[in-house]
Amino acid sequence: MLGIALAISTGIVAAVFVVGGIYQQELFEEYLEDTQNPPRSEVNPDLPAFDILP
């Protein structure tokens, strides 16, 4: 019984690490695309400019 619970919990932890790694890779690829492309404010000139800093 303990062995089955241990195997299931190990599988769950491994799945979390795999899914987390995939998600992190997607975020990194999106970050690379954003750094290579111009800012979004220049992509769509119909939107008003938005200054974040005061």
PDB file of N, CA and C in Angstrom:
ATOM      1  N   MET A   1       0.825  -1.198   0.000  1.00  0.00           N
ATOM      2  CA  MET A   1       0.000   0.000   0.000  1.00  0.00           C
ATOM      3  C   MET A   1       0.873   1.268   0.000  1.00  0.00           C
ATOM      4  N   LEU A   2       1.884   1.261   0.865  1.00  0.00           N
ATOM      5  CA  LEU A   2       2.776   2.416   0.936  1.00  0.00           C
ATOM      6  C   LEU A   2       3.555   2.587  -0.369  1.00  0.00           C
ATOM      7  N   GLY A   3       3.951   1.474  -0.977  1.00  0.00           N
ATOM      8  CA  GLY A   3       4.682   1.525  -2.243  1.00  0.00           C
ATOM      9  C   GLY A   3       3.846   2.127  -3.350  1.00  0.00           C
ATOM     10  N   ILE A   4       2.567   1.784  -3.394  1.00  0.00           N
ATOM     11  CA  ILE A   4       1.672   2.334  -4.420  1.00  0.00           C
ATOM     12  C   ILE A   4       1.514   3.838  -4.221  1.00  0.00           C
ATOM     13  N   ALA A   5       1.317   4.257  -2.966  1.00  0.00           N
ATOM     14  CA  ALA A   5       1.172   5.686  -2.682  1.00  0.00           C
ATOM     15  C   ALA A   5       2.446   6.442  -3.041  1.00  0.00           C
ATOM     16  N   LEU A   6       3.585   5.848  -2.755  1.00  0.00           N
ATOM     17  CA  LEU A   6       4.857   6.474  -3.082  1.00  0.00           C
ATOM     18  C   LEU A   6       5.033   6.595  -4.594  1.00  0.00           C
ATOM     19  N   ALA A   7       4.673   5.550  -5.322  1.00  0.00           N
ATOM     20  CA  ALA A   7       4.799   5.578  -6.778  1.00  0.00           C
ATOM     21  C   ALA A   7       3.872   6.627  -7.389  1.00  0.00           C
ATOM     22  N   ILE A   8       2.655   6.726  -6.873  1.00  0.00           N
ATOM     23  CA  ILE A   8       1.702   7.705  -7.409  1.00  0.00           C
ATOM     24  C   ILE A   8       2.187   9.126  -7.108  1.00  0.00           C
ATOM     25  N   SER A   9       2.649   9.352  -5.889  1.00  0.00           N
ATOM     26  CA  SER A   9       3.112  10.698  -5.550  1.00  0.00           C
ATOM     27  C   SER A   9       4.359  11.074  -6.347  1.00  0.00           C
ATOM     28  N   THR A  10       5.244  10.112  -6.589  1.00  0.00           N
ATOM     29  CA  THR A  10       6.423  10.374  -7.418  1.00  0.00           C
ATOM     30  C   THR A  10       6.002  10.716  -8.842  1.00  0.00           C
ATOM     31  N   GLY A  11       5.012  10.021  -9.357  1.00  0.00           N
ATOM     32  CA  GLY A  11       4.501  10.313 -10.703  1.00  0.00           C
ATOM     33  C   GLY A  11       3.888  11.693 -10.782  1.00  0.00           C
ATOM     34  N   ILE A  12       3.166  12.082  -9.742  1.00  0.00           N
ATOM     35  CA  ILE A  12       2.550  13.407  -9.738  1.00  0.00           C
ATOM     36  C   ILE A  12       3.624  14.491  -9.702  1.00  0.00           C
ATOM     37  N   VAL A  13       4.635  14.306  -8.859  1.00  0.00           N
ATOM     38  CA  VAL A  13       5.717  15.289  -8.776  1.00  0.00           C
ATOM     39  C   VAL A  13       6.457  15.379 -10.106  1.00  0.00           C
ATOM     40  N   ALA A  14       6.702  14.247 -10.735  1.00  0.00           N
ATOM     41  CA  ALA A  14       7.379  14.261 -12.033  1.00  0.00           C
ATOM     42  C   ALA A  14       6.530  14.977 -13.082  1.00  0.00           C
ATOM     43  N   ALA A  15       5.227  14.734 -13.067  1.00  0.00           N
ATOM     44  CA  ALA A  15       4.340  15.404 -14.027  1.00  0.00           C
ATOM     45  C   ALA A  15       4.336  16.911 -13.810  1.00  0.00           C
ATOM     46  N   VAL A  16       4.354  17.350 -12.552  1.00  0.00           N
ATOM     47  CA  VAL A  16       4.387  18.785 -12.267  1.00  0.00           C
ATOM     48  C   VAL A  16       5.679  19.403 -12.802  1.00  0.00           C
ATOM     49  N   PHE A  17       6.790  18.716 -12.617  1.00  0.00           N
ATOM     50  CA  PHE A  17       8.059  19.241 -13.131  1.00  0.00           C
ATOM     51  C   PHE A  17       8.060  19.295 -14.657  1.00  0.00           C
ATOM     52  N   VAL A  18       7.509  18.299 -15.319  1.00  0.00           N
ATOM     53  CA  VAL A  18       7.471  18.283 -16.783  1.00  0.00           C
ATOM     54  C   VAL A  18       6.591  19.405 -17.302  1.00  0.00           C
ATOM     55  N   VAL A  19       5.393  19.533 -16.734  1.00  0.00           N
ATOM     56  CA  VAL A  19       4.477  20.587 -17.184  1.00  0.00           C
ATOM     57  C   VAL A  19       5.056  21.962 -16.870  1.00  0.00           C
ATOM     58  N   GLY A  20       5.673  22.112 -15.708  1.00  0.00           N
ATOM     59  CA  GLY A  20       6.306  23.385 -15.363  1.00  0.00           C
ATOM     60  C   GLY A  20       7.439  23.734 -16.299  1.00  0.00           C
ATOM     61  N   GLY A  21       8.218  22.744 -16.695  1.00  0.00           N
ATOM     62  CA  GLY A  21       9.302  22.981 -17.635  1.00  0.00           C
ATOM     63  C   GLY A  21       8.802  23.394 -19.001  1.00  0.00           C
ATOM     64  N   ILE A  22       7.722  22.765 -19.448  1.00  0.00           N
ATOM     65  CA  ILE A  22       7.128  23.134 -20.735  1.00  0.00           C
ATOM     66  C   ILE A  22       6.599  24.559 -20.682  1.00  0.00           C
ATOM     67  N   TYR A  23       5.923  24.899 -19.591  1.00  0.00           N
ATOM     68  CA  TYR A  23       5.376  26.252 -19.430  1.00  0.00           C
ATOM     69  C   TYR A  23       6.498  27.284 -19.383  1.00  0.00           C
ATOM     70  N   GLN A  24       7.568  26.971 -18.682  1.00  0.00           N
ATOM     71  CA  GLN A  24       8.699  27.890 -18.596  1.00  0.00           C
ATOM     72  C   GLN A  24       9.337  28.091 -19.968  1.00  0.00           C
ATOM     73  N   GLN A  25       9.419  27.021 -20.753  1.00  0.00           N
ATOM     74  CA  GLN A  25       9.976  27.126 -22.105  1.00  0.00           C
ATOM     75  C   GLN A  25       9.107  28.020 -22.980  1.00  0.00           C
ATOM     76  N   GLU A  26       7.780  27.879 -22.859  1.00  0.00           N
ATOM     77  CA  GLU A  26       6.866  28.724 -23.635  1.00  0.00           C
ATOM     78  C   GLU A  26       7.031  30.191 -23.250  1.00  0.00           C
ATOM     79  N   LEU A  27       7.136  30.460 -21.946  1.00  0.00           N
ATOM     80  CA  LEU A  27       7.330  31.843 -21.505  1.00  0.00           C
ATOM     81  C   LEU A  27       8.644  32.410 -22.017  1.00  0.00           C
ATOM     82  N   PHE A  28       9.685  31.594 -22.022  1.00  0.00           N
ATOM     83  CA  PHE A  28      10.985  32.059 -22.497  1.00  0.00           C
ATOM     84  C   PHE A  28      10.948  32.359 -23.990  1.00  0.00           C
ATOM     85  N   GLU A  29      10.285  31.509 -24.770  1.00  0.00           N
ATOM     86  CA  GLU A  29      10.177  31.747 -26.205  1.00  0.00           C
ATOM     87  C   GLU A  29       9.367  33.015 -26.484  1.00  0.00           C
ATOM     88  N   GLU A  30       8.309  33.233 -25.710  1.00  0.00           N
ATOM     89  CA  GLU A  30       7.513  34.450 -25.874  1.00  0.00           C
ATOM     90  C   GLU A  30       8.339  35.686 -25.518  1.00  0.00           C
ATOM     91  N   TYR A  31       9.158  35.562 -24.483  1.00  0.00           N
ATOM     92  CA  TYR A  31      10.043  36.672 -24.099  1.00  0.00           C
ATOM     93  C   TYR A  31      11.036  36.982 -25.220  1.00  0.00           C
ATOM     94  N   LEU A  32      11.610  35.943 -25.831  1.00  0.00           N
ATOM     95  CA  LEU A  32      12.554  36.164 -26.924  1.00  0.00           C
ATOM     96  C   LEU A  32      11.875  36.843 -28.104  1.00  0.00           C
ATOM     97  N   GLU A  33      10.648  36.430 -28.419  1.00  0.00           N
ATOM     98  CA  GLU A  33       9.913  37.061 -29.509  1.00  0.00           C
ATOM     99  C   GLU A  33       9.653  38.531 -29.203  1.00  0.00           C
ATOM    100  N   ASP A  34       9.295  38.825 -27.956  1.00  0.00           N
ATOM    101  CA  ASP A  34       9.007  40.205 -27.577  1.00  0.00           C
ATOM    102  C   ASP A  34      10.257  41.077 -27.629  1.00  0.00           C
ATOM    103  N   THR A  35      11.410  40.514 -27.311  1.00  0.00           N
ATOM    104  CA  THR A  35      12.626  41.324 -27.349  1.00  0.00           C
ATOM    105  C   THR A  35      13.085  41.574 -28.781  1.00  0.00           C
ATOM    106  N   GLN A  36      12.728  40.720 -29.712  1.00  0.00           N
ATOM    107  CA  GLN A  36      13.156  40.886 -31.096  1.00  0.00           C
ATOM    108  C   GLN A  36      12.179  41.726 -31.904  1.00  0.00           C
ATOM    109  N   ASN A  37      10.914  41.783 -31.487  1.00  0.00           N
ATOM    110  CA  ASN A  37       9.900  42.551 -32.205  1.00  0.00           C
ATOM    111  C   ASN A  37       9.806  43.955 -31.621  1.00  0.00           C
ATOM    112  N   PRO A  38       9.311  44.914 -32.415  1.00  0.00           N
ATOM    113  CA  PRO A  38       9.129  46.271 -31.870  1.00  0.00           C
ATOM    114  C   PRO A  38       8.046  46.256 -30.786  1.00  0.00           C
ATOM    115  N   PRO A  39       8.028  47.288 -29.951  1.00  0.00           N
ATOM    116  CA  PRO A  39       6.994  47.349 -28.893  1.00  0.00           C
ATOM    117  C   PRO A  39       5.588  47.338 -29.483  1.00  0.00           C
ATOM    118  N   ARG A  40       4.663  46.870 -28.697  1.00  0.00           N
ATOM    119  CA  ARG A  40       3.281  46.735 -29.183  1.00  0.00           C
ATOM    120  C   ARG A  40       2.659  48.090 -29.528  1.00  0.00           C
ATOM    121  N   SER A  41       3.098  49.156 -28.876  1.00  0.00           N
ATOM    122  CA  SER A  41       2.513  50.470 -29.154  1.00  0.00           C
ATOM    123  C   SER A  41       2.810  50.899 -30.593  1.00  0.00           C
ATOM    124  N   GLU A  42       3.919  50.440 -31.152  1.00  0.00           N
ATOM    125  CA  GLU A  42       4.241  50.778 -32.540  1.00  0.00           C
ATOM    126  C   GLU A  42       3.559  49.834 -33.519  1.00  0.00           C
ATOM    127  N   VAL A  43       3.168  48.668 -33.052  1.00  0.00           N
ATOM    128  CA  VAL A  43       2.531  47.701 -33.939  1.00  0.00           C
ATOM    129  C   VAL A  43       1.129  48.159 -34.301  1.00  0.00           C
ATOM    130  N   ASN A  44       0.371  48.682 -33.322  1.00  0.00           N
ATOM    131  CA  ASN A  44      -0.994  49.122 -33.559  1.00  0.00           C
ATOM    132  C   ASN A  44      -1.097  50.613 -33.240  1.00  0.00           C
ATOM    133  N   PRO A  45      -0.992  51.475 -34.252  1.00  0.00           N
ATOM    134  CA  PRO A  45      -1.006  52.918 -33.991  1.00  0.00           C
ATOM    135  C   PRO A  45      -2.384  53.439 -33.592  1.00  0.00           C
ATOM    136  N   ASP A  46      -3.445  52.642 -33.732  1.00  0.00           N
ATOM    137  CA  ASP A  46      -4.787  53.080 -33.369  1.00  0.00           C
ATOM    138  C   ASP A  46      -4.971  53.183 -31.858  1.00  0.00           C
ATOM    139  N   LEU A  47      -4.141  52.455 -31.092  1.00  0.00           N
ATOM    140  CA  LEU A  47      -4.257  52.492 -29.644  1.00  0.00           C
ATOM    141  C   LEU A  47      -3.527  53.706 -29.092  1.00  0.00           C
ATOM    142  N   PRO A  48      -4.061  54.309 -28.042  1.00  0.00           N
ATOM    143  CA  PRO A  48      -3.362  55.472 -27.460  1.00  0.00           C
ATOM    144  C   PRO A  48      -2.085  55.050 -26.744  1.00  0.00           C
ATOM    145  N   ALA A  49      -1.138  55.963 -26.670  1.00  0.00           N
ATOM    146  CA  ALA A  49       0.116  55.686 -25.975  1.00  0.00           C
ATOM    147  C   ALA A  49      -0.167  55.610 -24.480  1.00  0.00           C
ATOM    148  N   PHE A  50       0.534  54.704 -23.797  1.00  0.00           N
ATOM    149  CA  PHE A  50       0.323  54.504 -22.366  1.00  0.00           C
ATOM    150  C   PHE A  50       1.674  54.527 -21.682  1.00  0.00           C
ATOM    151  N   ASP A  51       1.901  55.550 -20.859  1.00  0.00           N
ATOM    152  CA  ASP A  51       3.166  55.682 -20.148  1.00  0.00           C
ATOM    153  C   ASP A  51       3.019  55.102 -18.751  1.00  0.00           C
ATOM    154  N   ILE A  52       3.816  54.086 -18.431  1.00  0.00           N
ATOM    155  CA  ILE A  52       3.714  53.397 -17.143  1.00  0.00           C
ATOM    156  C   ILE A  52       4.368  54.217 -16.039  1.00  0.00           C
ATOM    157  N   LEU A  53       5.513  54.800 -16.329  1.00  0.00           N
ATOM    158  CA  LEU A  53       6.237  55.554 -15.319  1.00  0.00           C
ATOM    159  C   LEU A  53       5.679  56.958 -15.189  1.00  0.00           C
ATOM    160  N   PRO A  54       5.615  57.506 -13.983  1.00  0.00           N
ATOM    161  CA  PRO A  54       5.072  58.881 -13.813  1.00  0.00           C
ATOM    162  C   PRO A  54       6.024  59.946 -14.314  1.00  0.00           C
TER     163      PRO A  54
END
